[in-house]
């Protein structure tokens, strides 16, 4: 078993994204292993599909205190709150 998405993707000829810790919630993934060794990320045949898959996976999760709000959403929320 590989602690990253890059190895399996390279072995099978597809692409992957290894997201920064906190970008994709780890809720339900590998609870007995330290977080620093594991990344949950998408694997797909095209970069376009990777971006779509990552956009569906990323974001805050109340069950995972290490997740963060993506920068684009954070700046949009701050602009909205500043206007209203």
PDB file of N, CA and C in Angstrom:
ATOM      1  N   UNK A   1       0.846  -1.176   0.000  1.00  0.00           N
ATOM      2  CA  UNK A   1       0.000   0.000   0.000  1.00  0.00           C
ATOM      3  C   UNK A   1       0.891   1.239   0.000  1.00  0.00           C
ATOM      4  N   UNK A   2       0.551   2.217  -0.804  1.00  0.00           N
ATOM      5  CA  UNK A   2       1.332   3.436  -0.922  1.00  0.00           C
ATOM      6  C   UNK A   2       0.685   4.562  -0.120  1.00  0.00           C
ATOM      7  N   UNK A   3       1.488   5.357   0.593  1.00  0.00           N
ATOM      8  CA  UNK A   3       0.926   6.459   1.358  1.00  0.00           C
ATOM      9  C   UNK A   3       0.621   7.691   0.513  1.00  0.00           C
ATOM     10  N   UNK A   4       0.754   7.602  -0.778  1.00  0.00           N
ATOM     11  CA  UNK A   4       0.527   8.737  -1.648  1.00  0.00           C
ATOM     12  C   UNK A   4      -0.314   8.303  -2.845  1.00  0.00           C
ATOM     13  N   UNK A   5      -0.834   9.266  -3.563  1.00  0.00           N
ATOM     14  CA  UNK A   5      -1.584   8.955  -4.779  1.00  0.00           C
ATOM     15  C   UNK A   5      -0.669   8.965  -6.003  1.00  0.00           C
ATOM     16  N   UNK A   6       0.536   9.459  -5.850  1.00  0.00           N
ATOM     17  CA  UNK A   6       1.429   9.586  -7.002  1.00  0.00           C
ATOM     18  C   UNK A   6       1.955   8.248  -7.502  1.00  0.00           C
ATOM     19  N   UNK A   7       2.334   7.357  -6.603  1.00  0.00           N
ATOM     20  CA  UNK A   7       2.886   6.060  -7.002  1.00  0.00           C
ATOM     21  C   UNK A   7       1.908   5.205  -7.793  1.00  0.00           C
ATOM     22  N   UNK A   8       0.716   4.959  -7.238  1.00  0.00           N
ATOM     23  CA  UNK A   8      -0.249   4.158  -7.991  1.00  0.00           C
ATOM     24  C   UNK A   8      -0.625   4.779  -9.340  1.00  0.00           C
ATOM     25  N   UNK A   9      -0.719   6.100  -9.398  1.00  0.00           N
ATOM     26  CA  UNK A   9      -1.047   6.750 -10.670  1.00  0.00           C
ATOM     27  C   UNK A   9       0.074   6.541 -11.686  1.00  0.00           C
ATOM     28  N   UNK A  10       1.308   6.705 -11.244  1.00  0.00           N
ATOM     29  CA  UNK A  10       2.441   6.514 -12.150  1.00  0.00           C
ATOM     30  C   UNK A  10       2.528   5.065 -12.622  1.00  0.00           C
ATOM     31  N   UNK A  11       2.235   4.144 -11.733  1.00  0.00           N
ATOM     32  CA  UNK A  11       2.293   2.724 -12.091  1.00  0.00           C
ATOM     33  C   UNK A  11       1.249   2.327 -13.129  1.00  0.00           C
ATOM     34  N   UNK A  12       0.140   3.052 -13.176  1.00  0.00           N
ATOM     35  CA  UNK A  12      -0.955   2.684 -14.079  1.00  0.00           C
ATOM     36  C   UNK A  12      -1.118   3.630 -15.263  1.00  0.00           C
ATOM     37  N   UNK A  13      -0.250   4.637 -15.375  1.00  0.00           N
ATOM     38  CA  UNK A  13      -0.279   5.524 -16.534  1.00  0.00           C
ATOM     39  C   UNK A  13      -1.363   6.586 -16.503  1.00  0.00           C
ATOM     40  N   UNK A  14      -1.811   6.960 -15.314  1.00  0.00           N
ATOM     41  CA  UNK A  14      -2.805   8.031 -15.198  1.00  0.00           C
ATOM     42  C   UNK A  14      -2.193   9.173 -14.395  1.00  0.00           C
ATOM     43  N   UNK A  15      -2.939  10.228 -14.205  1.00  0.00           N
ATOM     44  CA  UNK A  15      -2.462  11.399 -13.473  1.00  0.00           C
ATOM     45  C   UNK A  15      -3.096  11.454 -12.087  1.00  0.00           C
ATOM     46  N   UNK A  16      -2.433  12.179 -11.187  1.00  0.00           N
ATOM     47  CA  UNK A  16      -2.984  12.351  -9.842  1.00  0.00           C
ATOM     48  C   UNK A  16      -2.568  13.703  -9.285  1.00  0.00           C
ATOM     49  N   UNK A  17      -3.243  14.113  -8.231  1.00  0.00           N
ATOM     50  CA  UNK A  17      -2.889  15.331  -7.500  1.00  0.00           C
ATOM     51  C   UNK A  17      -2.719  14.930  -6.041  1.00  0.00           C
ATOM     52  N   UNK A  18      -1.582  15.307  -5.469  1.00  0.00           N
ATOM     53  CA  UNK A  18      -1.344  15.081  -4.046  1.00  0.00           C
ATOM     54  C   UNK A  18      -1.616  16.409  -3.348  1.00  0.00           C
ATOM     55  N   UNK A  19      -2.832  16.575  -2.806  1.00  0.00           N
ATOM     56  CA  UNK A  19      -3.183  17.859  -2.223  1.00  0.00           C
ATOM     57  C   UNK A  19      -2.433  18.156  -0.930  1.00  0.00           C
ATOM     58  N   UNK A  20      -2.324  19.423  -0.618  1.00  0.00           N
ATOM     59  CA  UNK A  20      -1.727  19.863   0.632  1.00  0.00           C
ATOM     60  C   UNK A  20      -2.557  19.336   1.794  1.00  0.00           C
ATOM     61  N   UNK A  21      -1.891  18.990   2.895  1.00  0.00           N
ATOM     62  CA  UNK A  21      -2.631  18.539   4.074  1.00  0.00           C
ATOM     63  C   UNK A  21      -3.652  19.599   4.480  1.00  0.00           C
ATOM     64  N   UNK A  22      -4.853  19.169   4.761  1.00  0.00           N
ATOM     65  CA  UNK A  22      -5.917  20.073   5.162  1.00  0.00           C
ATOM     66  C   UNK A  22      -6.861  20.443   4.035  1.00  0.00           C
ATOM     67  N   UNK A  23      -6.446  20.234   2.816  1.00  0.00           N
ATOM     68  CA  UNK A  23      -7.304  20.594   1.683  1.00  0.00           C
ATOM     69  C   UNK A  23      -8.412  19.570   1.465  1.00  0.00           C
ATOM     70  N   UNK A  24      -8.100  18.292   1.659  1.00  0.00           N
ATOM     71  CA  UNK A  24      -9.075  17.212   1.526  1.00  0.00           C
ATOM     72  C   UNK A  24      -9.251  16.567   2.898  1.00  0.00           C
ATOM     73  N   UNK A  25     -10.472  16.497   3.407  1.00  0.00           N
ATOM     74  CA  UNK A  25     -10.684  15.883   4.719  1.00  0.00           C
ATOM     75  C   UNK A  25     -10.224  14.424   4.742  1.00  0.00           C
ATOM     76  N   UNK A  26      -9.693  14.016   5.872  1.00  0.00           N
ATOM     77  CA  UNK A  26      -9.240  12.640   6.031  1.00  0.00           C
ATOM     78  C   UNK A  26     -10.227  11.827   6.867  1.00  0.00           C
ATOM     79  N   UNK A  27     -11.418  12.332   7.060  1.00  0.00           N
ATOM     80  CA  UNK A  27     -12.437  11.635   7.833  1.00  0.00           C
ATOM     81  C   UNK A  27     -12.677  10.251   7.250  1.00  0.00           C
ATOM     82  N   UNK A  28     -12.482   9.230   8.066  1.00  0.00           N
ATOM     83  CA  UNK A  28     -12.709   7.866   7.629  1.00  0.00           C
ATOM     84  C   UNK A  28     -11.548   7.212   6.914  1.00  0.00           C
ATOM     85  N   UNK A  29     -10.449   7.945   6.700  1.00  0.00           N
ATOM     86  CA  UNK A  29      -9.279   7.398   6.003  1.00  0.00           C
ATOM     87  C   UNK A  29      -8.175   7.067   6.987  1.00  0.00           C
ATOM     88  N   UNK A  30      -7.756   5.866   7.021  1.00  0.00           N
ATOM     89  CA  UNK A  30      -6.560   5.459   7.739  1.00  0.00           C
ATOM     90  C   UNK A  30      -6.468   6.023   9.163  1.00  0.00           C
ATOM     91  N   UNK A  31      -7.402   5.741  10.028  1.00  0.00           N
ATOM     92  CA  UNK A  31      -7.405   6.360  11.352  1.00  0.00           C
ATOM     93  C   UNK A  31      -6.238   5.970  12.248  1.00  0.00           C
ATOM     94  N   UNK A  32      -5.598   4.839  12.027  1.00  0.00           N
ATOM     95  CA  UNK A  32      -4.535   4.392  12.910  1.00  0.00           C
ATOM     96  C   UNK A  32      -3.145   4.865  12.480  1.00  0.00           C
ATOM     97  N   UNK A  33      -3.048   5.559  11.368  1.00  0.00           N
ATOM     98  CA  UNK A  33      -1.763   5.979  10.830  1.00  0.00           C
ATOM     99  C   UNK A  33      -1.620   7.488  10.968  1.00  0.00           C
ATOM    100  N   UNK A  34      -0.439   7.979  11.346  1.00  0.00           N
ATOM    101  CA  UNK A  34      -0.256   9.439  11.452  1.00  0.00           C
ATOM    102  C   UNK A  34      -0.583  10.151  10.137  1.00  0.00           C
ATOM    103  N   UNK A  35      -1.251  11.273  10.227  1.00  0.00           N
ATOM    104  CA  UNK A  35      -1.702  12.041   9.068  1.00  0.00           C
ATOM    105  C   UNK A  35      -0.568  12.435   8.127  1.00  0.00           C
ATOM    106  N   UNK A  36       0.587  12.711   8.670  1.00  0.00           N
ATOM    107  CA  UNK A  36       1.671  13.246   7.833  1.00  0.00           C
ATOM    108  C   UNK A  36       2.121  12.270   6.758  1.00  0.00           C
ATOM    109  N   UNK A  37       1.800  11.004   6.892  1.00  0.00           N
ATOM    110  CA  UNK A  37       2.217  10.012   5.918  1.00  0.00           C
ATOM    111  C   UNK A  37       1.181   9.738   4.846  1.00  0.00           C
ATOM    112  N   UNK A  38      -0.025  10.214   4.987  1.00  0.00           N
ATOM    113  CA  UNK A  38      -1.101   9.857   4.068  1.00  0.00           C
ATOM    114  C   UNK A  38      -1.707  11.081   3.405  1.00  0.00           C
ATOM    115  N   UNK A  39      -2.066  10.920   2.166  1.00  0.00           N
ATOM    116  CA  UNK A  39      -2.776  11.956   1.414  1.00  0.00           C
ATOM    117  C   UNK A  39      -3.917  11.290   0.671  1.00  0.00           C
ATOM    118  N   UNK A  40      -5.088  11.878   0.766  1.00  0.00           N
ATOM    119  CA  UNK A  40      -6.222  11.431  -0.046  1.00  0.00           C
ATOM    120  C   UNK A  40      -6.338  12.408  -1.206  1.00  0.00           C
ATOM    121  N   UNK A  41      -6.276  11.896  -2.411  1.00  0.00           N
ATOM    122  CA  UNK A  41      -6.351  12.763  -3.576  1.00  0.00           C
ATOM    123  C   UNK A  41      -6.905  12.009  -4.769  1.00  0.00           C
ATOM    124  N   UNK A  42      -7.366  12.740  -5.768  1.00  0.00           N
ATOM    125  CA  UNK A  42      -7.963  12.102  -6.942  1.00  0.00           C
ATOM    126  C   UNK A  42      -6.931  11.528  -7.909  1.00  0.00           C
ATOM    127  N   UNK A  43      -7.374  10.540  -8.649  1.00  0.00           N
ATOM    128  CA  UNK A  43      -6.613   9.986  -9.761  1.00  0.00           C
ATOM    129  C   UNK A  43      -7.565   9.939 -10.956  1.00  0.00           C
ATOM    130  N   UNK A  44      -7.080  10.322 -12.130  1.00  0.00           N
ATOM    131  CA  UNK A  44      -7.945  10.373 -13.316  1.00  0.00           C
ATOM    132  C   UNK A  44      -7.100  10.282 -14.578  1.00  0.00           C
ATOM    133  N   UNK A  45      -7.779  10.176 -15.711  1.00  0.00           N
ATOM    134  CA  UNK A  45      -7.083  10.079 -16.998  1.00  0.00           C
ATOM    135  C   UNK A  45      -6.686  11.432 -17.565  1.00  0.00           C
ATOM    136  N   UNK A  46      -7.325  12.525 -17.097  1.00  0.00           N
ATOM    137  CA  UNK A  46      -6.996  13.847 -17.625  1.00  0.00           C
ATOM    138  C   UNK A  46      -6.901  14.863 -16.491  1.00  0.00           C
ATOM    139  N   UNK A  47      -6.189  15.944 -16.765  1.00  0.00           N
ATOM    140  CA  UNK A  47      -6.049  17.020 -15.789  1.00  0.00           C
ATOM    141  C   UNK A  47      -7.407  17.674 -15.525  1.00  0.00           C
ATOM    142  N   UNK A  48      -8.213  17.775 -16.555  1.00  0.00           N
ATOM    143  CA  UNK A  48      -9.559  18.349 -16.389  1.00  0.00           C
ATOM    144  C   UNK A  48     -10.372  17.520 -15.390  1.00  0.00           C
ATOM    145  N   UNK A  49     -10.325  16.211 -15.526  1.00  0.00           N
ATOM    146  CA  UNK A  49     -11.043  15.335 -14.600  1.00  0.00           C
ATOM    147  C   UNK A  49     -10.462  15.413 -13.188  1.00  0.00           C
ATOM    148  N   UNK A  50      -9.133  15.595 -13.087  1.00  0.00           N
ATOM    149  CA  UNK A  50      -8.509  15.749 -11.771  1.00  0.00           C
ATOM    150  C   UNK A  50      -9.039  16.982 -11.065  1.00  0.00           C
ATOM    151  N   UNK A  51      -9.118  18.077 -11.783  1.00  0.00           N
ATOM    152  CA  UNK A  51      -9.596  19.331 -11.180  1.00  0.00           C
ATOM    153  C   UNK A  51     -11.040  19.173 -10.710  1.00  0.00           C
ATOM    154  N   UNK A  52     -11.871  18.548 -11.511  1.00  0.00           N
ATOM    155  CA  UNK A  52     -13.264  18.319 -11.129  1.00  0.00           C
ATOM    156  C   UNK A  52     -13.338  17.444  -9.884  1.00  0.00           C
ATOM    157  N   UNK A  53     -12.580  16.352  -9.876  1.00  0.00           N
ATOM    158  CA  UNK A  53     -12.599  15.442  -8.723  1.00  0.00           C
ATOM    159  C   UNK A  53     -12.095  16.141  -7.468  1.00  0.00           C
ATOM    160  N   UNK A  54     -11.018  16.922  -7.585  1.00  0.00           N
ATOM    161  CA  UNK A  54     -10.488  17.635  -6.421  1.00  0.00           C
ATOM    162  C   UNK A  54     -11.494  18.648  -5.898  1.00  0.00           C
ATOM    163  N   UNK A  55     -12.186  19.329  -6.789  1.00  0.00           N
ATOM    164  CA  UNK A  55     -13.175  20.319  -6.344  1.00  0.00           C
ATOM    165  C   UNK A  55     -14.319  19.661  -5.570  1.00  0.00           C
ATOM    166  N   UNK A  56     -14.614  18.398  -5.889  1.00  0.00           N
ATOM    167  CA  UNK A  56     -15.659  17.676  -5.166  1.00  0.00           C
ATOM    168  C   UNK A  56     -15.166  17.134  -3.829  1.00  0.00           C
ATOM    169  N   UNK A  57     -13.879  16.859  -3.717  1.00  0.00           N
ATOM    170  CA  UNK A  57     -13.313  16.285  -2.498  1.00  0.00           C
ATOM    171  C   UNK A  57     -12.907  17.331  -1.465  1.00  0.00           C
ATOM    172  N   UNK A  58     -12.470  18.502  -1.908  1.00  0.00           N
ATOM    173  CA  UNK A  58     -11.879  19.478  -0.994  1.00  0.00           C
ATOM    174  C   UNK A  58     -12.915  20.242  -0.195  1.00  0.00           C
ATOM    175  N   UNK A  59     -12.436  20.850   0.874  1.00  0.00           N
ATOM    176  CA  UNK A  59     -13.287  21.709   1.678  1.00  0.00           C
ATOM    177  C   UNK A  59     -13.302  21.309   3.131  1.00  0.00           C
ATOM    178  N   UNK A  60     -13.838  22.166   3.949  1.00  0.00           N
ATOM    179  CA  UNK A  60     -13.850  21.900   5.387  1.00  0.00           C
ATOM    180  C   UNK A  60     -14.792  20.755   5.753  1.00  0.00           C
ATOM    181  N   UNK A  61     -14.466  20.074   6.833  1.00  0.00           N
ATOM    182  CA  UNK A  61     -15.266  18.981   7.363  1.00  0.00           C
ATOM    183  C   UNK A  61     -15.286  19.134   8.876  1.00  0.00           C
ATOM    184  N   UNK A  62     -16.461  19.243   9.462  1.00  0.00           N
ATOM    185  CA  UNK A  62     -16.558  19.448  10.909  1.00  0.00           C
ATOM    186  C   UNK A  62     -15.975  18.280  11.696  1.00  0.00           C
ATOM    187  N   UNK A  63     -15.914  17.093  11.104  1.00  0.00           N
ATOM    188  CA  UNK A  63     -15.358  15.923  11.786  1.00  0.00           C
ATOM    189  C   UNK A  63     -13.832  15.872  11.697  1.00  0.00           C
ATOM    190  N   UNK A  64     -13.215  16.716  10.874  1.00  0.00           N
ATOM    191  CA  UNK A  64     -11.764  16.738  10.719  1.00  0.00           C
ATOM    192  C   UNK A  64     -11.262  18.145  11.026  1.00  0.00           C
ATOM    193  N   UNK A  65     -10.703  18.350  12.218  1.00  0.00           N
ATOM    194  CA  UNK A  65     -10.288  19.706  12.604  1.00  0.00           C
ATOM    195  C   UNK A  65      -9.098  20.251  11.810  1.00  0.00           C
ATOM    196  N   UNK A  66      -8.457  19.422  11.001  1.00  0.00           N
ATOM    197  CA  UNK A  66      -7.294  19.869  10.231  1.00  0.00           C
ATOM    198  C   UNK A  66      -7.653  20.424   8.862  1.00  0.00           C
ATOM    199  N   UNK A  67      -8.896  20.290   8.430  1.00  0.00           N
ATOM    200  CA  UNK A  67      -9.255  20.798   7.105  1.00  0.00           C
ATOM    201  C   UNK A  67      -9.367  22.317   7.125  1.00  0.00           C
ATOM    202  N   UNK A  68      -9.143  22.911   5.971  1.00  0.00           N
ATOM    203  CA  UNK A  68      -9.194  24.362   5.832  1.00  0.00           C
ATOM    204  C   UNK A  68     -10.110  24.734   4.676  1.00  0.00           C
ATOM    205  N   UNK A  69     -10.565  25.967   4.680  1.00  0.00           N
ATOM    206  CA  UNK A  69     -11.370  26.488   3.569  1.00  0.00           C
ATOM    207  C   UNK A  69     -10.405  26.849   2.444  1.00  0.00           C
ATOM    208  N   UNK A  70     -10.649  26.386   1.204  1.00  0.00           N
ATOM    209  CA  UNK A  70      -9.770  26.753   0.088  1.00  0.00           C
ATOM    210  C   UNK A  70      -9.669  28.272  -0.059  1.00  0.00           C
ATOM    211  N   UNK A  71      -8.510  28.757  -0.471  1.00  0.00           N
ATOM    212  CA  UNK A  71      -8.236  30.194  -0.538  1.00  0.00           C
ATOM    213  C   UNK A  71      -9.249  30.953  -1.386  1.00  0.00           C
ATOM    214  N   UNK A  72      -9.678  30.406  -2.511  1.00  0.00           N
ATOM    215  CA  UNK A  72     -10.640  31.091  -3.380  1.00  0.00           C
ATOM    216  C   UNK A  72     -11.960  31.299  -2.645  1.00  0.00           C
ATOM    217  N   UNK A  73     -12.419  30.304  -1.903  1.00  0.00           N
ATOM    218  CA  UNK A  73     -13.656  30.448  -1.147  1.00  0.00           C
ATOM    219  C   UNK A  73     -13.494  31.432  -0.008  1.00  0.00           C
ATOM    220  N   UNK A  74     -12.362  31.401   0.672  1.00  0.00           N
ATOM    221  CA  UNK A  74     -12.118  32.299   1.796  1.00  0.00           C
ATOM    222  C   UNK A  74     -12.121  33.754   1.338  1.00  0.00           C
ATOM    223  N   UNK A  75     -11.479  34.039   0.199  1.00  0.00           N
ATOM    224  CA  UNK A  75     -11.451  35.427  -0.275  1.00  0.00           C
ATOM    225  C   UNK A  75     -12.829  35.859  -0.755  1.00  0.00           C
ATOM    226  N   UNK A  76     -13.598  34.960  -1.368  1.00  0.00           N
ATOM    227  CA  UNK A  76     -14.952  35.297  -1.810  1.00  0.00           C
ATOM    228  C   UNK A  76     -15.847  35.567  -0.599  1.00  0.00           C
ATOM    229  N   UNK A  77     -15.698  34.768   0.450  1.00  0.00           N
ATOM    230  CA  UNK A  77     -16.505  34.981   1.659  1.00  0.00           C
ATOM    231  C   UNK A  77     -16.161  36.291   2.329  1.00  0.00           C
ATOM    232  N   UNK A  78     -14.867  36.663   2.360  1.00  0.00           N
ATOM    233  CA  UNK A  78     -14.484  37.918   3.002  1.00  0.00           C
ATOM    234  C   UNK A  78     -14.974  39.113   2.201  1.00  0.00           C
ATOM    235  N   UNK A  79     -14.999  39.008   0.859  1.00  0.00           N
ATOM    236  CA  UNK A  79     -15.537  40.094   0.033  1.00  0.00           C
ATOM    237  C   UNK A  79     -17.021  40.255   0.260  1.00  0.00           C
ATOM    238  N   UNK A  80     -17.745  39.143   0.374  1.00  0.00           N
ATOM    239  CA  UNK A  80     -19.180  39.175   0.604  1.00  0.00           C
ATOM    240  C   UNK A  80     -19.490  39.787   1.953  1.00  0.00           C
ATOM    241  N   UNK A  81     -18.758  39.404   2.982  1.00  0.00           N
ATOM    242  CA  UNK A  81     -19.017  39.934   4.319  1.00  0.00           C
ATOM    243  C   UNK A  81     -18.637  41.405   4.402  1.00  0.00           C
ATOM    244  N   UNK A  82     -17.642  41.848   3.640  1.00  0.00           N
ATOM    245  CA  UNK A  82     -17.250  43.243   3.643  1.00  0.00           C
ATOM    246  C   UNK A  82     -18.294  44.125   2.968  1.00  0.00           C
ATOM    247  N   UNK A  83     -18.996  43.564   1.966  1.00  0.00           N
ATOM    248  CA  UNK A  83     -19.999  44.330   1.246  1.00  0.00           C
ATOM    249  C   UNK A  83     -21.301  44.430   2.017  1.00  0.00           C
ATOM    250  N   UNK A  84     -21.623  43.396   2.763  1.00  0.00           N
ATOM    251  CA  UNK A  84     -22.942  43.327   3.387  1.00  0.00           C
ATOM    252  C   UNK A  84     -22.909  43.632   4.801  1.00  0.00           C
TER     253      UNK A  84
END
